[in-house]
Structure formats: C-alpha cells, structure tokens
C-alpha cells in the first residue's frame, strides 16, 4: 500500500509550519464571502490558522485574516472557530 505524503501548511498568525489536519482553512470565496472550509476543497483564497484558542484570539485581535484575505472577516467566523475547537 502506498504511503500518504505529509501535507504541511503555515499558520498565518504564528508562522508555524504544521500538518494540514492541525489547521483550520478560512476561505474568501469569489463572491467576497468568508467561510470556514472543513473539507479543504472550497474555491477561493485560503488562509490557515492553527487549531489553538490563543492563536484564534490573537488572529482576531491583530486582524491578520483581514489582511491575508483582503476582506473584513466577520466576528461570527472567530466565534465559529472557537466553537469548533470545543467539539
């Protein structure tokens, strides 16, 4: 059986290189909407955030996702990310 390749991505907030499964993908769709892409296949500009409460709160405070996605990220996206952490 063929071994799977290790897929690495960089967190936009901490600049830490992690496995893709340890990160959330946030996407700005072509219609300028911001969504959380749990499958990793959504169309649009994506940015990765580490699955860590402190990193999510820091990203919210510094507005790093706003800069990377070039759009205002709604507050409910951060609330949804924190909710997904608790599951």
PDB file of N, CA and C in Angstrom:
ATOM      1  N   UNK A   1       0.837  -1.182   0.000  1.00  0.00           N
ATOM      2  CA  UNK A   1       0.000   0.000   0.000  1.00  0.00           C
ATOM      3  C   UNK A   1       0.887   1.253   0.000  1.00  0.00           C
ATOM      4  N   UNK A   2       0.478   2.241  -0.760  1.00  0.00           N
ATOM      5  CA  UNK A   2       1.249   3.471  -0.902  1.00  0.00           C
ATOM      6  C   UNK A   2       1.095   4.368   0.329  1.00  0.00           C
ATOM      7  N   UNK A   3       2.221   4.908   0.815  1.00  0.00           N
ATOM      8  CA  UNK A   3       2.175   5.814   1.962  1.00  0.00           C
ATOM      9  C   UNK A   3       1.713   7.190   1.510  1.00  0.00           C
ATOM     10  N   UNK A   4       0.897   7.827   2.370  1.00  0.00           N
ATOM     11  CA  UNK A   4       0.427   9.176   2.058  1.00  0.00           C
ATOM     12  C   UNK A   4       1.539  10.188   2.329  1.00  0.00           C
ATOM     13  N   UNK A   5       1.578  11.209   1.469  1.00  0.00           N
ATOM     14  CA  UNK A   5       2.544  12.266   1.641  1.00  0.00           C
ATOM     15  C   UNK A   5       2.107  13.174   2.791  1.00  0.00           C
ATOM     16  N   UNK A   6       3.034  13.660   3.571  1.00  0.00           N
ATOM     17  CA  UNK A   6       2.747  14.568   4.673  1.00  0.00           C
ATOM     18  C   UNK A   6       2.503  15.960   4.097  1.00  0.00           C
ATOM     19  N   UNK A   7       1.301  16.497   4.308  1.00  0.00           N
ATOM     20  CA  UNK A   7       0.930  17.794   3.756  1.00  0.00           C
ATOM     21  C   UNK A   7       1.126  18.859   4.829  1.00  0.00           C
ATOM     22  N   UNK A   8       2.010  19.816   4.560  1.00  0.00           N
ATOM     23  CA  UNK A   8       2.326  20.864   5.515  1.00  0.00           C
ATOM     24  C   UNK A   8       1.827  22.216   5.016  1.00  0.00           C
ATOM     25  N   UNK A   9       1.344  23.036   5.943  1.00  0.00           N
ATOM     26  CA  UNK A   9       0.907  24.398   5.641  1.00  0.00           C
ATOM     27  C   UNK A   9       1.393  25.309   6.766  1.00  0.00           C
ATOM     28  N   UNK A  10       1.444  26.612   6.513  1.00  0.00           N
ATOM     29  CA  UNK A  10       1.905  27.586   7.500  1.00  0.00           C
ATOM     30  C   UNK A  10       0.736  28.364   8.070  1.00  0.00           C
ATOM     31  N   UNK A  11       0.689  28.464   9.382  1.00  0.00           N
ATOM     32  CA  UNK A  11      -0.330  29.265  10.070  1.00  0.00           C
ATOM     33  C   UNK A  11      -0.028  30.739   9.803  1.00  0.00           C
ATOM     34  N   UNK A  12      -1.045  31.513   9.383  1.00  0.00           N
ATOM     35  CA  UNK A  12      -0.829  32.924   9.051  1.00  0.00           C
ATOM     36  C   UNK A  12      -0.575  33.772  10.291  1.00  0.00           C
ATOM     37  N   UNK A  13      -0.945  33.279  11.453  1.00  0.00           N
ATOM     38  CA  UNK A  13      -0.794  34.051  12.687  1.00  0.00           C
ATOM     39  C   UNK A  13       0.527  33.746  13.389  1.00  0.00           C
ATOM     40  N   UNK A  14       0.809  32.469  13.625  1.00  0.00           N
ATOM     41  CA  UNK A  14       2.009  32.094  14.376  1.00  0.00           C
ATOM     42  C   UNK A  14       3.205  31.815  13.463  1.00  0.00           C
ATOM     43  N   UNK A  15       2.988  31.725  12.168  1.00  0.00           N
ATOM     44  CA  UNK A  15       4.028  31.393  11.170  1.00  0.00           C
ATOM     45  C   UNK A  15       4.622  30.006  11.392  1.00  0.00           C
ATOM     46  N   UNK A  16       3.889  29.167  12.120  1.00  0.00           N
ATOM     47  CA  UNK A  16       4.347  27.820  12.429  1.00  0.00           C
ATOM     48  C   UNK A  16       3.924  26.868  11.306  1.00  0.00           C
ATOM     49  N   UNK A  17       4.834  26.006  10.888  1.00  0.00           N
ATOM     50  CA  UNK A  17       4.522  25.015   9.864  1.00  0.00           C
ATOM     51  C   UNK A  17       3.952  23.783  10.550  1.00  0.00           C
ATOM     52  N   UNK A  18       2.722  23.406  10.158  1.00  0.00           N
ATOM     53  CA  UNK A  18       2.019  22.284  10.788  1.00  0.00           C
ATOM     54  C   UNK A  18       1.431  21.388   9.715  1.00  0.00           C
ATOM     55  N   UNK A  19       1.017  20.205  10.137  1.00  0.00           N
ATOM     56  CA  UNK A  19       0.274  19.336   9.231  1.00  0.00           C
ATOM     57  C   UNK A  19      -1.070  19.990   8.930  1.00  0.00           C
ATOM     58  N   UNK A  20      -1.559  19.765   7.731  1.00  0.00           N
ATOM     59  CA  UNK A  20      -2.812  20.381   7.299  1.00  0.00           C
ATOM     60  C   UNK A  20      -3.979  20.021   8.209  1.00  0.00           C
ATOM     61  N   UNK A  21      -3.961  18.808   8.778  1.00  0.00           N
ATOM     62  CA  UNK A  21      -5.067  18.362   9.638  1.00  0.00           C
ATOM     63  C   UNK A  21      -5.104  19.107  10.970  1.00  0.00           C
ATOM     64  N   UNK A  22      -4.007  19.789  11.343  1.00  0.00           N
ATOM     65  CA  UNK A  22      -3.939  20.537  12.593  1.00  0.00           C
ATOM     66  C   UNK A  22      -4.299  22.014  12.410  1.00  0.00           C
ATOM     67  N   UNK A  23      -4.797  22.357  11.235  1.00  0.00           N
ATOM     68  CA  UNK A  23      -5.107  23.748  10.909  1.00  0.00           C
ATOM     69  C   UNK A  23      -6.540  23.894  10.411  1.00  0.00           C
ATOM     70  N   UNK A  24      -7.117  25.081  10.633  1.00  0.00           N
ATOM     71  CA  UNK A  24      -8.394  25.444  10.016  1.00  0.00           C
ATOM     72  C   UNK A  24      -8.078  26.186   8.727  1.00  0.00           C
ATOM     73  N   UNK A  25      -8.879  25.970   7.692  1.00  0.00           N
ATOM     74  CA  UNK A  25      -8.743  26.739   6.450  1.00  0.00           C
ATOM     75  C   UNK A  25      -9.906  27.713   6.369  1.00  0.00           C
ATOM     76  N   UNK A  26      -9.579  28.994   6.284  1.00  0.00           N
ATOM     77  CA  UNK A  26     -10.589  30.040   6.139  1.00  0.00           C
ATOM     78  C   UNK A  26     -10.470  30.562   4.720  1.00  0.00           C
ATOM     79  N   UNK A  27     -11.605  30.678   4.026  1.00  0.00           N
ATOM     80  CA  UNK A  27     -11.606  30.989   2.599  1.00  0.00           C
ATOM     81  C   UNK A  27     -12.428  32.229   2.306  1.00  0.00           C
ATOM     82  N   UNK A  28     -11.875  33.087   1.431  1.00  0.00           N
ATOM     83  CA  UNK A  28     -12.649  34.179   0.849  1.00  0.00           C
ATOM     84  C   UNK A  28     -13.099  33.686  -0.527  1.00  0.00           C
ATOM     85  N   UNK A  29     -14.400  33.516  -0.664  1.00  0.00           N
ATOM     86  CA  UNK A  29     -14.946  32.992  -1.916  1.00  0.00           C
ATOM     87  C   UNK A  29     -14.878  34.066  -3.002  1.00  0.00           C
ATOM     88  N   UNK A  30     -15.045  33.674  -4.263  1.00  0.00           N
ATOM     89  CA  UNK A  30     -15.056  34.671  -5.345  1.00  0.00           C
ATOM     90  C   UNK A  30     -16.156  35.733  -5.171  1.00  0.00           C
ATOM     91  N   UNK A  31     -17.201  35.423  -4.400  1.00  0.00           N
ATOM     92  CA  UNK A  31     -18.280  36.385  -4.140  1.00  0.00           C
ATOM     93  C   UNK A  31     -17.954  37.285  -2.950  1.00  0.00           C
ATOM     94  N   UNK A  32     -16.714  37.209  -2.421  1.00  0.00           N
ATOM     95  CA  UNK A  32     -16.234  38.012  -1.282  1.00  0.00           C
ATOM     96  C   UNK A  32     -16.864  37.616   0.056  1.00  0.00           C
ATOM     97  N   UNK A  33     -17.380  36.402   0.171  1.00  0.00           N
ATOM     98  CA  UNK A  33     -17.870  35.874   1.444  1.00  0.00           C
ATOM     99  C   UNK A  33     -16.713  35.160   2.135  1.00  0.00           C
ATOM    100  N   UNK A  34     -16.756  35.105   3.460  1.00  0.00           N
ATOM    101  CA  UNK A  34     -15.725  34.391   4.219  1.00  0.00           C
ATOM    102  C   UNK A  34     -16.372  33.171   4.852  1.00  0.00           C
ATOM    103  N   UNK A  35     -15.775  31.998   4.612  1.00  0.00           N
ATOM    104  CA  UNK A  35     -16.305  30.751   5.158  1.00  0.00           C
ATOM    105  C   UNK A  35     -15.170  29.944   5.789  1.00  0.00           C
ATOM    106  N   UNK A  36     -15.548  28.999   6.647  1.00  0.00           N
ATOM    107  CA  UNK A  36     -14.590  28.037   7.189  1.00  0.00           C
ATOM    108  C   UNK A  36     -14.704  26.785   6.335  1.00  0.00           C
ATOM    109  N   UNK A  37     -13.602  26.389   5.742  1.00  0.00           N
ATOM    110  CA  UNK A  37     -13.580  25.253   4.826  1.00  0.00           C
ATOM    111  C   UNK A  37     -13.082  24.015   5.569  1.00  0.00           C
ATOM    112  N   UNK A  38     -14.002  23.184   6.029  1.00  0.00           N
ATOM    113  CA  UNK A  38     -13.619  21.993   6.790  1.00  0.00           C
ATOM    114  C   UNK A  38     -13.109  20.868   5.893  1.00  0.00           C
ATOM    115  N   UNK A  39     -13.524  20.837   4.638  1.00  0.00           N
ATOM    116  CA  UNK A  39     -13.098  19.785   3.714  1.00  0.00           C
ATOM    117  C   UNK A  39     -11.786  20.128   3.009  1.00  0.00           C
ATOM    118  N   UNK A  40     -11.439  21.419   2.933  1.00  0.00           N
ATOM    119  CA  UNK A  40     -10.198  21.821   2.280  1.00  0.00           C
ATOM    120  C   UNK A  40     -10.290  21.890   0.774  1.00  0.00           C
ATOM    121  N   UNK A  41     -11.501  21.964   0.244  1.00  0.00           N
ATOM    122  CA  UNK A  41     -11.673  21.928  -1.210  1.00  0.00           C
ATOM    123  C   UNK A  41     -12.399  23.162  -1.758  1.00  0.00           C
ATOM    124  N   UNK A  42     -12.808  24.087  -0.893  1.00  0.00           N
ATOM    125  CA  UNK A  42     -13.605  25.235  -1.345  1.00  0.00           C
ATOM    126  C   UNK A  42     -12.803  26.122  -2.284  1.00  0.00           C
ATOM    127  N   UNK A  43     -13.513  26.717  -3.219  1.00  0.00           N
ATOM    128  CA  UNK A  43     -12.920  27.602  -4.203  1.00  0.00           C
ATOM    129  C   UNK A  43     -12.684  28.977  -3.593  1.00  0.00           C
ATOM    130  N   UNK A  44     -11.535  29.569  -3.838  1.00  0.00           N
ATOM    131  CA  UNK A  44     -11.261  30.908  -3.362  1.00  0.00           C
ATOM    132  C   UNK A  44      -9.907  31.014  -2.690  1.00  0.00           C
ATOM    133  N   UNK A  45      -9.625  32.204  -2.163  1.00  0.00           N
ATOM    134  CA  UNK A  45      -8.353  32.457  -1.487  1.00  0.00           C
ATOM    135  C   UNK A  45      -8.411  31.918  -0.068  1.00  0.00           C
ATOM    136  N   UNK A  46      -7.452  31.093   0.295  1.00  0.00           N
ATOM    137  CA  UNK A  46      -7.463  30.454   1.602  1.00  0.00           C
ATOM    138  C   UNK A  46      -6.327  30.909   2.495  1.00  0.00           C
ATOM    139  N   UNK A  47      -6.574  30.831   3.790  1.00  0.00           N
ATOM    140  CA  UNK A  47      -5.554  31.105   4.799  1.00  0.00           C
ATOM    141  C   UNK A  47      -5.730  30.067   5.906  1.00  0.00           C
ATOM    142  N   UNK A  48      -4.627  29.667   6.514  1.00  0.00           N
ATOM    143  CA  UNK A  48      -4.667  28.620   7.529  1.00  0.00           C
ATOM    144  C   UNK A  48      -4.397  29.190   8.911  1.00  0.00           C
ATOM    145  N   UNK A  49      -5.170  28.698   9.892  1.00  0.00           N
ATOM    146  CA  UNK A  49      -4.998  29.072  11.298  1.00  0.00           C
ATOM    147  C   UNK A  49      -4.864  27.807  12.131  1.00  0.00           C
ATOM    148  N   UNK A  50      -3.913  27.806  13.035  1.00  0.00           N
ATOM    149  CA  UNK A  50      -3.703  26.649  13.901  1.00  0.00           C
ATOM    150  C   UNK A  50      -4.918  26.433  14.798  1.00  0.00           C
ATOM    151  N   UNK A  51      -5.239  25.174  15.074  1.00  0.00           N
ATOM    152  CA  UNK A  51      -6.373  24.826  15.936  1.00  0.00           C
ATOM    153  C   UNK A  51      -5.967  25.032  17.387  1.00  0.00           C
ATOM    154  N   UNK A  52      -5.901  26.300  17.789  1.00  0.00           N
ATOM    155  CA  UNK A  52      -5.469  26.679  19.133  1.00  0.00           C
ATOM    156  C   UNK A  52      -6.226  27.943  19.535  1.00  0.00           C
ATOM    157  N   UNK A  53      -6.822  27.915  20.721  1.00  0.00           N
ATOM    158  CA  UNK A  53      -7.645  29.040  21.184  1.00  0.00           C
ATOM    159  C   UNK A  53      -6.851  30.346  21.208  1.00  0.00           C
ATOM    160  N   UNK A  54      -5.616  30.305  21.720  1.00  0.00           N
ATOM    161  CA  UNK A  54      -4.793  31.506  21.816  1.00  0.00           C
ATOM    162  C   UNK A  54      -4.473  32.083  20.435  1.00  0.00           C
ATOM    163  N   UNK A  55      -4.212  31.215  19.470  1.00  0.00           N
ATOM    164  CA  UNK A  55      -3.899  31.658  18.107  1.00  0.00           C
ATOM    165  C   UNK A  55      -5.130  32.314  17.467  1.00  0.00           C
ATOM    166  N   UNK A  56      -6.296  31.723  17.657  1.00  0.00           N
ATOM    167  CA  UNK A  56      -7.532  32.279  17.092  1.00  0.00           C
ATOM    168  C   UNK A  56      -7.819  33.655  17.690  1.00  0.00           C
ATOM    169  N   UNK A  57      -7.662  33.781  19.013  1.00  0.00           N
ATOM    170  CA  UNK A  57      -7.885  35.076  19.673  1.00  0.00           C
ATOM    171  C   UNK A  57      -6.860  36.119  19.233  1.00  0.00           C
ATOM    172  N   UNK A  58      -5.614  35.697  19.030  1.00  0.00           N
ATOM    173  CA  UNK A  58      -4.574  36.614  18.553  1.00  0.00           C
ATOM    174  C   UNK A  58      -4.866  37.059  17.121  1.00  0.00           C
ATOM    175  N   UNK A  59      -5.332  36.135  16.288  1.00  0.00           N
ATOM    176  CA  UNK A  59      -5.690  36.477  14.910  1.00  0.00           C
ATOM    177  C   UNK A  59      -6.845  37.479  14.878  1.00  0.00           C
ATOM    178  N   UNK A  60      -7.786  37.312  15.788  1.00  0.00           N
ATOM    179  CA  UNK A  60      -8.919  38.231  15.879  1.00  0.00           C
ATOM    180  C   UNK A  60      -8.439  39.622  16.305  1.00  0.00           C
ATOM    181  N   UNK A  61      -7.533  39.659  17.267  1.00  0.00           N
ATOM    182  CA  UNK A  61      -7.033  40.921  17.802  1.00  0.00           C
ATOM    183  C   UNK A  61      -6.180  41.672  16.777  1.00  0.00           C
ATOM    184  N   UNK A  62      -5.304  40.953  16.075  1.00  0.00           N
ATOM    185  CA  UNK A  62      -4.377  41.587  15.129  1.00  0.00           C
ATOM    186  C   UNK A  62      -4.960  41.745  13.730  1.00  0.00           C
ATOM    187  N   UNK A  63      -6.135  41.145  13.497  1.00  0.00           N
ATOM    188  CA  UNK A  63      -6.821  41.204  12.195  1.00  0.00           C
ATOM    189  C   UNK A  63      -5.950  40.665  11.048  1.00  0.00           C
ATOM    190  N   UNK A  64      -5.161  39.627  11.349  1.00  0.00           N
ATOM    191  CA  UNK A  64      -4.276  39.043  10.350  1.00  0.00           C
ATOM    192  C   UNK A  64      -5.067  38.409   9.194  1.00  0.00           C
ATOM    193  N   UNK A  65      -6.236  37.828   9.494  1.00  0.00           N
ATOM    194  CA  UNK A  65      -7.050  37.232   8.423  1.00  0.00           C
ATOM    195  C   UNK A  65      -7.611  38.305   7.497  1.00  0.00           C
ATOM    196  N   UNK A  66      -7.967  39.466   8.046  1.00  0.00           N
ATOM    197  CA  UNK A  66      -8.454  40.577   7.224  1.00  0.00           C
ATOM    198  C   UNK A  66      -7.397  40.963   6.189  1.00  0.00           C
ATOM    199  N   UNK A  67      -6.137  41.002   6.627  1.00  0.00           N
ATOM    200  CA  UNK A  67      -5.037  41.392   5.736  1.00  0.00           C
ATOM    201  C   UNK A  67      -4.759  40.319   4.688  1.00  0.00           C
ATOM    202  N   UNK A  68      -4.730  39.061   5.118  1.00  0.00           N
ATOM    203  CA  UNK A  68      -4.398  37.963   4.201  1.00  0.00           C
ATOM    204  C   UNK A  68      -5.500  37.724   3.168  1.00  0.00           C
ATOM    205  N   UNK A  69      -6.763  37.821   3.605  1.00  0.00           N
ATOM    206  CA  UNK A  69      -7.883  37.552   2.699  1.00  0.00           C
ATOM    207  C   UNK A  69      -8.365  38.809   1.987  1.00  0.00           C
ATOM    208  N   UNK A  70      -7.827  39.971   2.380  1.00  0.00           N
ATOM    209  CA  UNK A  70      -8.159  41.256   1.763  1.00  0.00           C
ATOM    210  C   UNK A  70      -9.651  41.570   1.822  1.00  0.00           C
ATOM    211  N   UNK A  71     -10.272  41.235   2.963  1.00  0.00           N
ATOM    212  CA  UNK A  71     -11.699  41.489   3.181  1.00  0.00           C
ATOM    213  C   UNK A  71     -11.926  41.519   4.694  1.00  0.00           C
ATOM    214  N   UNK A  72     -12.973  42.221   5.150  1.00  0.00           N
ATOM    215  CA  UNK A  72     -13.277  42.239   6.580  1.00  0.00           C
ATOM    216  C   UNK A  72     -13.883  40.896   6.991  1.00  0.00           C
ATOM    217  N   UNK A  73     -13.239  40.224   7.933  1.00  0.00           N
ATOM    218  CA  UNK A  73     -13.715  38.925   8.421  1.00  0.00           C
ATOM    219  C   UNK A  73     -14.727  39.179   9.536  1.00  0.00           C
ATOM    220  N   UNK A  74     -15.964  38.671   9.396  1.00  0.00           N
ATOM    221  CA  UNK A  74     -16.992  38.892  10.425  1.00  0.00           C
ATOM    222  C   UNK A  74     -16.633  38.221  11.758  1.00  0.00           C
ATOM    223  N   UNK A  75     -17.132  38.789  12.850  1.00  0.00           N
ATOM    224  CA  UNK A  75     -16.886  38.259  14.195  1.00  0.00           C
ATOM    225  C   UNK A  75     -17.380  36.827  14.340  1.00  0.00           C
ATOM    226  N   UNK A  76     -18.492  36.494  13.668  1.00  0.00           N
ATOM    227  CA  UNK A  76     -19.063  35.156  13.831  1.00  0.00           C
ATOM    228  C   UNK A  76     -18.125  34.056  13.308  1.00  0.00           C
ATOM    229  N   UNK A  77     -17.206  34.387  12.422  1.00  0.00           N
ATOM    230  CA  UNK A  77     -16.227  33.399  11.939  1.00  0.00           C
ATOM    231  C   UNK A  77     -15.322  32.976  13.100  1.00  0.00           C
ATOM    232  N   UNK A  78     -14.850  33.959  13.891  1.00  0.00           N
ATOM    233  CA  UNK A  78     -13.993  33.645  15.034  1.00  0.00           C
ATOM    234  C   UNK A  78     -14.769  32.854  16.086  1.00  0.00           C
ATOM    235  N   UNK A  79     -16.029  33.228  16.307  1.00  0.00           N
ATOM    236  CA  UNK A  79     -16.865  32.508  17.268  1.00  0.00           C
ATOM    237  C   UNK A  79     -17.084  31.060  16.817  1.00  0.00           C
ATOM    238  N   UNK A  80     -17.289  30.892  15.513  1.00  0.00           N
ATOM    239  CA  UNK A  80     -17.491  29.549  14.953  1.00  0.00           C
ATOM    240  C   UNK A  80     -16.209  28.716  15.094  1.00  0.00           C
ATOM    241  N   UNK A  81     -15.054  29.336  14.870  1.00  0.00           N
ATOM    242  CA  UNK A  81     -13.766  28.628  15.020  1.00  0.00           C
ATOM    243  C   UNK A  81     -13.572  28.166  16.472  1.00  0.00           C
ATOM    244  N   UNK A  82     -13.889  29.058  17.419  1.00  0.00           N
ATOM    245  CA  UNK A  82     -13.751  28.683  18.831  1.00  0.00           C
ATOM    246  C   UNK A  82     -14.744  27.579  19.185  1.00  0.00           C
ATOM    247  N   UNK A  83     -15.940  27.612  18.605  1.00  0.00           N
ATOM    248  CA  UNK A  83     -16.929  26.564  18.822  1.00  0.00           C
ATOM    249  C   UNK A  83     -16.465  25.223  18.270  1.00  0.00           C
ATOM    250  N   UNK A  84     -15.811  25.238  17.108  1.00  0.00           N
ATOM    251  CA  UNK A  84     -15.297  24.005  16.517  1.00  0.00           C
ATOM    252  C   UNK A  84     -14.182  23.401  17.374  1.00  0.00           C
ATOM    253  N   UNK A  85     -13.422  24.238  18.052  1.00  0.00           N
ATOM    254  CA  UNK A  85     -12.358  23.742  18.940  1.00  0.00           C
ATOM    255  C   UNK A  85     -12.929  22.936  20.098  1.00  0.00           C
ATOM    256  N   UNK A  86     -14.073  23.378  20.616  1.00  0.00           N
ATOM    257  CA  UNK A  86     -14.663  22.731  21.789  1.00  0.00           C
ATOM    258  C   UNK A  86     -15.357  21.406  21.466  1.00  0.00           C
ATOM    259  N   UNK A  87     -15.549  21.123  20.191  1.00  0.00           N
ATOM    260  CA  UNK A  87     -16.230  19.870  19.797  1.00  0.00           C
ATOM    261  C   UNK A  87     -15.301  18.687  19.900  1.00  0.00           C
TER     262      UNK A  87
END
